[in-house]
Amino acid sequence: MAEIRNIVILTGAGISAESGIDTFRAEGGLWEQHKVEDVATPEGFARDPDLVLRFYDMRREAIQTKHPNPAHDALARLDQHWKGNLLIVTQNVDDLHERAGAKRVLHMHGTHLNAWCTACDAKNPWTGTLADRPPCPACGTNALRPDVVWFGEMPYEMERIYAALRTADLFVSIGTSGAVYPAAGFVRDARSLGARTLELNLERSQGSGWFDESRQGRASELVPEWVDTLLHK
């Protein structure tokens, strides 16, 4: 691994599941409680904004009670000690990477702890509720919505992600289903550009066949083990 200098890591819901944050696709998860088209699309928000805002208020409140697990801690340690380029691209809308201490994090699907004003385009840190239609701190209008990328919307900072993939020596996917694009296609992009590819997942994902190596197990065990090996080499 001596030749590895630039790393791109993709994290999904599986890395936060062990912290008690529900995943959408797991049995008993959020998809079974709500239809995706009702709570995670622009059309759902236009149809019933009260339902959507209450749903995200509950999620925002819940994640603030959760804590990083050893997988988050290990990636924060890698961030602190890795001398090459590193980008942790997360599909998660929690802030557990940051609370563990990671700095080089990109939230491609937004974050629960921001509110986006559709009137002035300001992104405001937000820990309270939105269902009571509070005014935007920047412009004063009542046009706030969760700063979360819904189905049918463009993920954030795609140009920055693809730029990192173009120079990556190693691409690692942790806790993802391999079902949500464009993130599910990153492994193929990385492989086509010559990067090594590694999957760390509870079970084989829909995209496991694209990886040079796929390891199965709990993220809280696999990720610290991988980080320790990488840093010691």
C-alpha atoms as a PDB file:
ATOM      1  CA  MET A   1       0.000   0.000   0.000  1.00  0.00           C
ATOM      2  CA  ALA A   2       3.029   2.284  -0.058  1.00  0.00           C
ATOM      3  CA  GLU A   3       1.985   3.751  -3.408  1.00  0.00           C
ATOM      4  CA  ILE A   4      -1.443   4.815  -2.134  1.00  0.00           C
ATOM      5  CA  ARG A   5      -1.570   8.531  -1.487  1.00  0.00           C
ATOM      6  CA  ASN A   6      -4.982   9.849  -2.564  1.00  0.00           C
ATOM      7  CA  ILE A   7      -8.100   8.234  -1.092  1.00  0.00           C
ATOM      8  CA  VAL A   8     -11.813   8.752  -1.686  1.00  0.00           C
ATOM      9  CA  ILE A   9     -14.183   7.123   0.821  1.00  0.00           C
ATOM     10  CA  LEU A  10     -17.926   6.816   0.282  1.00  0.00           C
ATOM     11  CA  THR A  11     -20.036   6.189   3.381  1.00  0.00           C
ATOM     12  CA  GLY A  12     -23.690   5.219   3.521  1.00  0.00           C
ATOM     13  CA  ALA A  13     -26.390   4.463   6.040  1.00  0.00           C
ATOM     14  CA  GLY A  14     -24.661   1.290   7.211  1.00  0.00           C
ATOM     15  CA  ILE A  15     -21.908   3.204   8.974  1.00  0.00           C
ATOM     16  CA  SER A  16     -24.420   5.084  11.139  1.00  0.00           C
ATOM     17  CA  ALA A  17     -26.798   2.177  11.745  1.00  0.00           C
ATOM     18  CA  GLU A  18     -24.682   0.974  14.673  1.00  0.00           C
ATOM     19  CA  SER A  19     -25.160   4.400  16.253  1.00  0.00           C
ATOM     20  CA  GLY A  20     -28.903   3.784  16.269  1.00  0.00           C
ATOM     21  CA  ILE A  21     -29.833   5.825  13.197  1.00  0.00           C
ATOM     22  CA  ASP A  22     -32.502   4.029  11.182  1.00  0.00           C
ATOM     23  CA  THR A  23     -31.707   3.118   7.598  1.00  0.00           C
ATOM     24  CA  PHE A  24     -34.337   3.480   4.907  1.00  0.00           C
ATOM     25  CA  ARG A  25     -33.921  -0.004   3.474  1.00  0.00           C
ATOM     26  CA  ALA A  26     -33.574  -2.161   6.573  1.00  0.00           C
ATOM     27  CA  GLU A  27     -36.525  -4.171   7.813  1.00  0.00           C
ATOM     28  CA  GLY A  28     -38.536  -1.917  10.085  1.00  0.00           C
ATOM     29  CA  GLY A  29     -36.719   1.123   8.705  1.00  0.00           C
ATOM     30  CA  LEU A  30     -38.101   4.408   7.515  1.00  0.00           C
ATOM     31  CA  TRP A  31     -39.232   3.150   4.114  1.00  0.00           C
ATOM     32  CA  GLU A  32     -41.727   0.858   5.857  1.00  0.00           C
ATOM     33  CA  GLN A  33     -43.132   3.736   7.887  1.00  0.00           C
ATOM     34  CA  HIS A  34     -43.419   6.275   5.063  1.00  0.00           C
ATOM     35  CA  LYS A  35     -43.598   6.093   1.295  1.00  0.00           C
ATOM     36  CA  VAL A  36     -40.533   7.617  -0.323  1.00  0.00           C
ATOM     37  CA  GLU A  37     -42.673   9.697  -2.653  1.00  0.00           C
ATOM     38  CA  ASP A  38     -44.423  11.243   0.359  1.00  0.00           C
ATOM     39  CA  VAL A  39     -41.405  12.379   2.390  1.00  0.00           C
ATOM     40  CA  ALA A  40     -38.371  12.437   0.092  1.00  0.00           C
ATOM     41  CA  THR A  41     -39.428  14.096  -3.142  1.00  0.00           C
ATOM     42  CA  PRO A  42     -40.174  17.706  -4.152  1.00  0.00           C
ATOM     43  CA  GLU A  43     -43.632  16.537  -5.226  1.00  0.00           C
ATOM     44  CA  GLY A  44     -44.326  15.105  -1.770  1.00  0.00           C
ATOM     45  CA  PHE A  45     -43.285  18.376  -0.167  1.00  0.00           C
ATOM     46  CA  ALA A  46     -45.537  20.365  -2.500  1.00  0.00           C
ATOM     47  CA  ARG A  47     -48.439  18.008  -1.801  1.00  0.00           C
ATOM     48  CA  ASP A  48     -48.166  17.866   2.010  1.00  0.00           C
ATOM     49  CA  PRO A  49     -45.472  20.153   3.422  1.00  0.00           C
ATOM     50  CA  ASP A  50     -46.704  19.671   6.992  1.00  0.00           C
ATOM     51  CA  LEU A  51     -46.097  15.901   6.821  1.00  0.00           C
ATOM     52  CA  VAL A  52     -42.619  16.363   5.343  1.00  0.00           C
ATOM     53  CA  LEU A  53     -41.557  19.030   7.828  1.00  0.00           C
ATOM     54  CA  ARG A  54     -42.796  16.986  10.801  1.00  0.00           C
ATOM     55  CA  PHE A  55     -40.969  13.923   9.472  1.00  0.00           C
ATOM     56  CA  TYR A  56     -37.653  15.782   9.199  1.00  0.00           C
ATOM     57  CA  ASP A  57     -38.172  17.532  12.524  1.00  0.00           C
ATOM     58  CA  MET A  58     -38.341  14.093  14.137  1.00  0.00           C
ATOM     59  CA  ARG A  59     -35.231  12.920  12.298  1.00  0.00           C
ATOM     60  CA  ARG A  60     -33.332  16.102  13.207  1.00  0.00           C
ATOM     61  CA  GLU A  61     -34.226  15.721  16.872  1.00  0.00           C
ATOM     62  CA  ALA A  62     -33.315  12.031  16.883  1.00  0.00           C
ATOM     63  CA  ILE A  63     -29.849  12.326  15.370  1.00  0.00           C
ATOM     64  CA  GLN A  64     -28.834  14.882  17.981  1.00  0.00           C
ATOM     65  CA  THR A  65     -29.186  12.150  20.612  1.00  0.00           C
ATOM     66  CA  LYS A  66     -26.922   9.695  18.755  1.00  0.00           C
ATOM     67  CA  HIS A  67     -23.168   9.340  19.024  1.00  0.00           C
ATOM     68  CA  PRO A  68     -20.320   8.355  16.687  1.00  0.00           C
ATOM     69  CA  ASN A  69     -19.334   4.706  16.763  1.00  0.00           C
ATOM     70  CA  PRO A  70     -15.868   3.130  16.292  1.00  0.00           C
ATOM     71  CA  ALA A  71     -16.208   3.303  12.493  1.00  0.00           C
ATOM     72  CA  HIS A  72     -16.687   7.078  12.586  1.00  0.00           C
ATOM     73  CA  ASP A  73     -13.845   7.378  15.091  1.00  0.00           C
ATOM     74  CA  ALA A  74     -11.524   5.353  12.861  1.00  0.00           C
ATOM     75  CA  LEU A  75     -12.196   7.531   9.809  1.00  0.00           C
ATOM     76  CA  ALA A  76     -11.592  10.634  11.917  1.00  0.00           C
ATOM     77  CA  ARG A  77      -8.264   9.137  12.964  1.00  0.00           C
ATOM     78  CA  LEU A  78      -7.412   8.482   9.328  1.00  0.00           C
ATOM     79  CA  ASP A  79      -8.353  12.063   8.486  1.00  0.00           C
ATOM     80  CA  GLN A  80      -6.048  13.346  11.206  1.00  0.00           C
ATOM     81  CA  HIS A  81      -3.011  11.271  10.251  1.00  0.00           C
ATOM     82  CA  TRP A  82      -3.238  10.706   6.492  1.00  0.00           C
ATOM     83  CA  LYS A  83      -0.705  12.917   4.714  1.00  0.00           C
ATOM     84  CA  GLY A  84      -2.107  12.472   1.214  1.00  0.00           C
ATOM     85  CA  ASN A  85      -5.377  13.719  -0.190  1.00  0.00           C
ATOM     86  CA  LEU A  86      -8.484  12.338   1.495  1.00  0.00           C
ATOM     87  CA  LEU A  87     -12.149  13.001   0.851  1.00  0.00           C
ATOM     88  CA  ILE A  88     -14.918  11.361   2.870  1.00  0.00           C
ATOM     89  CA  VAL A  89     -18.034  11.601   0.719  1.00  0.00           C
ATOM     90  CA  THR A  90     -21.069  10.708   2.775  1.00  0.00           C
ATOM     91  CA  GLN A  91     -24.594   9.979   1.648  1.00  0.00           C
ATOM     92  CA  ASN A  92     -25.684  10.369   5.268  1.00  0.00           C
ATOM     93  CA  VAL A  93     -27.445  13.473   6.494  1.00  0.00           C
ATOM     94  CA  ASP A  94     -26.256  13.092  10.095  1.00  0.00           C
ATOM     95  CA  ASP A  95     -23.188  14.853  11.498  1.00  0.00           C
ATOM     96  CA  LEU A  96     -21.498  11.852  13.130  1.00  0.00           C
ATOM     97  CA  HIS A  97     -18.357  12.085  10.975  1.00  0.00           C
ATOM     98  CA  GLU A  98     -17.840  15.661  12.126  1.00  0.00           C
ATOM     99  CA  ARG A  99     -18.619  14.882  15.748  1.00  0.00           C
ATOM    100  CA  ALA A 100     -16.021  12.122  15.644  1.00  0.00           C
ATOM    101  CA  GLY A 101     -13.495  14.731  14.510  1.00  0.00           C
ATOM    102  CA  ALA A 102     -13.286  14.267  10.727  1.00  0.00           C
ATOM    103  CA  LYS A 103     -12.671  17.470   8.777  1.00  0.00           C
ATOM    104  CA  ARG A 104     -12.426  16.377   5.144  1.00  0.00           C
ATOM    105  CA  VAL A 105     -16.119  15.491   4.787  1.00  0.00           C
ATOM    106  CA  LEU A 106     -18.513  16.246   1.920  1.00  0.00           C
ATOM    107  CA  HIS A 107     -22.269  15.748   2.410  1.00  0.00           C
ATOM    108  CA  MET A 108     -23.491  14.934  -1.081  1.00  0.00           C
ATOM    109  CA  HIS A 109     -27.094  14.560   0.137  1.00  0.00           C
ATOM    110  CA  GLY A 110     -27.131  17.554   2.477  1.00  0.00           C
ATOM    111  CA  THR A 111     -27.553  17.497   6.238  1.00  0.00           C
ATOM    112  CA  HIS A 112     -30.394  17.424   8.740  1.00  0.00           C
ATOM    113  CA  LEU A 113     -28.683  20.155  10.741  1.00  0.00           C
ATOM    114  CA  ASN A 114     -29.123  22.789   8.046  1.00  0.00           C
ATOM    115  CA  ALA A 115     -32.226  24.561   6.791  1.00  0.00           C
ATOM    116  CA  TRP A 116     -32.338  25.827   3.213  1.00  0.00           C
ATOM    117  CA  CYS A 117     -34.281  28.957   2.321  1.00  0.00           C
ATOM    118  CA  THR A 118     -35.875  28.505  -1.091  1.00  0.00           C
ATOM    119  CA  ALA A 119     -36.451  32.262  -1.300  1.00  0.00           C
ATOM    120  CA  CYS A 120     -32.905  33.566  -0.839  1.00  0.00           C
ATOM    121  CA  ASP A 121     -30.924  30.291  -1.178  1.00  0.00           C
ATOM    122  CA  ALA A 122     -29.250  30.716   2.231  1.00  0.00           C
ATOM    123  CA  LYS A 123     -28.161  27.603   4.133  1.00  0.00           C
ATOM    124  CA  ASN A 124     -28.589  28.097   7.862  1.00  0.00           C
ATOM    125  CA  PRO A 125     -27.405  25.830  10.703  1.00  0.00           C
ATOM    126  CA  TRP A 126     -30.576  24.423  12.259  1.00  0.00           C
ATOM    127  CA  THR A 127     -31.253  22.214  15.280  1.00  0.00           C
ATOM    128  CA  GLY A 128     -34.859  23.156  16.017  1.00  0.00           C
ATOM    129  CA  THR A 129     -38.143  22.586  14.219  1.00  0.00           C
ATOM    130  CA  LEU A 130     -39.346  23.715  10.806  1.00  0.00           C
ATOM    131  CA  ALA A 131     -42.985  22.612  11.022  1.00  0.00           C
ATOM    132  CA  ASP A 132     -43.971  25.879  12.719  1.00  0.00           C
ATOM    133  CA  ARG A 133     -42.673  27.812   9.657  1.00  0.00           C
ATOM    134  CA  PRO A 134     -39.960  29.938  11.326  1.00  0.00           C
ATOM    135  CA  PRO A 135     -38.550  32.881   9.365  1.00  0.00           C
ATOM    136  CA  CYS A 136     -35.284  32.578   7.483  1.00  0.00           C
ATOM    137  CA  PRO A 137     -32.493  34.203   9.532  1.00  0.00           C
ATOM    138  CA  ALA A 138     -31.094  35.720   6.348  1.00  0.00           C
ATOM    139  CA  CYS A 139     -34.146  37.178   4.584  1.00  0.00           C
ATOM    140  CA  GLY A 140     -37.061  36.801   7.001  1.00  0.00           C
ATOM    141  CA  THR A 141     -39.344  34.859   4.672  1.00  0.00           C
ATOM    142  CA  ASN A 142     -41.114  31.665   5.743  1.00  0.00           C
ATOM    143  CA  ALA A 143     -39.563  29.552   2.990  1.00  0.00           C
ATOM    144  CA  LEU A 144     -37.330  27.165   4.913  1.00  0.00           C
ATOM    145  CA  ARG A 145     -37.109  23.450   4.057  1.00  0.00           C
ATOM    146  CA  PRO A 146     -34.722  20.685   5.116  1.00  0.00           C
ATOM    147  CA  ASP A 147     -31.321  20.992   3.436  1.00  0.00           C
ATOM    148  CA  VAL A 148     -31.606  17.403   2.270  1.00  0.00           C
ATOM    149  CA  VAL A 149     -31.320  16.211  -1.323  1.00  0.00           C
ATOM    150  CA  TRP A 150     -34.537  14.445  -2.280  1.00  0.00           C
ATOM    151  CA  PHE A 151     -35.084  11.938  -5.052  1.00  0.00           C
ATOM    152  CA  GLY A 152     -35.141  13.796  -8.342  1.00  0.00           C
ATOM    153  CA  GLU A 153     -32.766  16.514  -7.086  1.00  0.00           C
ATOM    154  CA  MET A 154     -29.076  16.882  -7.920  1.00  0.00           C
ATOM    155  CA  PRO A 155     -26.620  15.831  -5.182  1.00  0.00           C
ATOM    156  CA  TYR A 156     -24.222  18.484  -3.943  1.00  0.00           C
ATOM    157  CA  GLU A 157     -20.670  19.160  -5.178  1.00  0.00           C
ATOM    158  CA  MET A 158     -20.560  16.491  -7.868  1.00  0.00           C
ATOM    159  CA  GLU A 159     -17.736  18.277  -9.710  1.00  0.00           C
ATOM    160  CA  ARG A 160     -15.585  18.180  -6.574  1.00  0.00           C
ATOM    161  CA  ILE A 161     -16.348  14.474  -6.080  1.00  0.00           C
ATOM    162  CA  TYR A 162     -15.443  13.535  -9.645  1.00  0.00           C
ATOM    163  CA  ALA A 163     -12.270  15.624  -9.441  1.00  0.00           C
ATOM    164  CA  ALA A 164     -11.234  13.636  -6.355  1.00  0.00           C
ATOM    165  CA  LEU A 165     -12.055  10.341  -8.082  1.00  0.00           C
ATOM    166  CA  ARG A 166      -9.855  11.290 -11.047  1.00  0.00           C
ATOM    167  CA  THR A 167      -6.782  11.490  -8.817  1.00  0.00           C
ATOM    168  CA  ALA A 168      -7.674   8.687  -6.370  1.00  0.00           C
ATOM    169  CA  ASP A 169      -5.331   5.739  -5.855  1.00  0.00           C
ATOM    170  CA  LEU A 170      -7.910   4.010  -3.644  1.00  0.00           C
ATOM    171  CA  PHE A 171     -11.704   4.149  -3.519  1.00  0.00           C
ATOM    172  CA  VAL A 172     -13.429   2.664  -0.476  1.00  0.00           C
ATOM    173  CA  SER A 173     -17.175   2.191  -0.018  1.00  0.00           C
ATOM    174  CA  ILE A 174     -18.461   1.686   3.528  1.00  0.00           C
ATOM    175  CA  GLY A 175     -21.996   0.726   4.517  1.00  0.00           C
ATOM    176  CA  THR A 176     -23.739   1.431   1.215  1.00  0.00           C
ATOM    177  CA  SER A 177     -26.460  -0.484  -0.598  1.00  0.00           C
ATOM    178  CA  GLY A 178     -25.035   0.109  -4.059  1.00  0.00           C
ATOM    179  CA  ALA A 179     -28.552   1.025  -5.191  1.00  0.00           C
ATOM    180  CA  VAL A 180     -28.667   4.834  -5.161  1.00  0.00           C
ATOM    181  CA  TYR A 181     -27.135   6.703  -8.069  1.00  0.00           C
ATOM    182  CA  PRO A 182     -24.971   8.566  -8.805  1.00  0.00           C
ATOM    183  CA  ALA A 183     -23.064   7.315  -5.726  1.00  0.00           C
ATOM    184  CA  ALA A 184     -23.518   3.687  -6.769  1.00  0.00           C
ATOM    185  CA  GLY A 185     -21.558   4.429  -9.933  1.00  0.00           C
ATOM    186  CA  PHE A 186     -18.487   5.854  -8.190  1.00  0.00           C
ATOM    187  CA  VAL A 187     -16.787   2.450  -7.986  1.00  0.00           C
ATOM    188  CA  ARG A 188     -16.957   2.021 -11.757  1.00  0.00           C
ATOM    189  CA  ASP A 189     -15.652   5.531 -12.300  1.00  0.00           C
ATOM    190  CA  ALA A 190     -12.771   4.906  -9.892  1.00  0.00           C
ATOM    191  CA  ARG A 191     -11.903   1.553 -11.477  1.00  0.00           C
ATOM    192  CA  SER A 192     -11.926   2.989 -14.981  1.00  0.00           C
ATOM    193  CA  LEU A 193      -9.453   5.633 -13.808  1.00  0.00           C
ATOM    194  CA  GLY A 194      -7.073   3.041 -12.346  1.00  0.00           C
ATOM    195  CA  ALA A 195      -7.865   3.247  -8.633  1.00  0.00           C
ATOM    196  CA  ARG A 196      -7.961   0.213  -6.379  1.00  0.00           C
ATOM    197  CA  THR A 197     -11.449  -0.420  -5.001  1.00  0.00           C
ATOM    198  CA  LEU A 198     -12.512  -1.854  -1.649  1.00  0.00           C
ATOM    199  CA  GLU A 199     -15.954  -2.470  -0.171  1.00  0.00           C
ATOM    200  CA  LEU A 200     -16.580  -2.750   3.585  1.00  0.00           C
ATOM    201  CA  ASN A 201     -20.203  -3.711   4.163  1.00  0.00           C
ATOM    202  CA  LEU A 202     -22.432  -5.769   6.433  1.00  0.00           C
ATOM    203  CA  GLU A 203     -23.318  -7.921   3.419  1.00  0.00           C
ATOM    204  CA  ARG A 204     -22.574  -7.891  -0.281  1.00  0.00           C
ATOM    205  CA  SER A 205     -24.168  -4.882  -1.959  1.00  0.00           C
ATOM    206  CA  GLN A 206     -25.748  -4.585  -5.378  1.00  0.00           C
ATOM    207  CA  GLY A 207     -22.419  -3.286  -6.659  1.00  0.00           C
ATOM    208  CA  SER A 208     -20.063  -5.740  -4.926  1.00  0.00           C
ATOM    209  CA  GLY A 209     -18.990  -7.288  -8.229  1.00  0.00           C
ATOM    210  CA  TRP A 210     -17.345  -4.047  -9.286  1.00  0.00           C
ATOM    211  CA  PHE A 211     -14.907  -3.969  -6.354  1.00  0.00           C
ATOM    212  CA  ASP A 212     -11.427  -5.483  -6.352  1.00  0.00           C
ATOM    213  CA  GLU A 213     -12.162  -6.678  -2.834  1.00  0.00           C
ATOM    214  CA  SER A 214     -15.325  -6.909  -0.731  1.00  0.00           C
ATOM    215  CA  ARG A 215     -15.207  -7.583   3.013  1.00  0.00           C
ATOM    216  CA  GLN A 216     -18.347  -8.353   5.020  1.00  0.00           C
ATOM    217  CA  GLY A 217     -18.927  -7.556   8.659  1.00  0.00           C
ATOM    218  CA  ARG A 218     -19.895  -4.811  11.087  1.00  0.00           C
ATOM    219  CA  ALA A 219     -18.562  -1.381  10.169  1.00  0.00           C
ATOM    220  CA  SER A 220     -17.508  -0.823  13.789  1.00  0.00           C
ATOM    221  CA  GLU A 221     -15.108  -3.771  13.402  1.00  0.00           C
ATOM    222  CA  LEU A 222     -14.063  -3.660   9.743  1.00  0.00           C
ATOM    223  CA  VAL A 223     -13.306   0.050   9.484  1.00  0.00           C
ATOM    224  CA  PRO A 224     -10.974   0.379  12.509  1.00  0.00           C
ATOM    225  CA  GLU A 225      -9.128  -2.741  11.386  1.00  0.00           C
ATOM    226  CA  TRP A 226      -8.665  -1.379   7.858  1.00  0.00           C
ATOM    227  CA  VAL A 227      -7.620   2.082   9.074  1.00  0.00           C
ATOM    228  CA  ASP A 228      -5.074   0.619  11.484  1.00  0.00           C
ATOM    229  CA  THR A 229      -3.555  -1.498   8.721  1.00  0.00           C
ATOM    230  CA  LEU A 230      -3.422   1.437   6.312  1.00  0.00           C
ATOM    231  CA  LEU A 231      -1.815   3.821   8.782  1.00  0.00           C
ATOM    232  CA  HIS A 232       0.761   1.306   9.990  1.00  0.00           C
ATOM    233  CA  LYS A 233       1.844   0.579   6.432  1.00  0.00           C
END
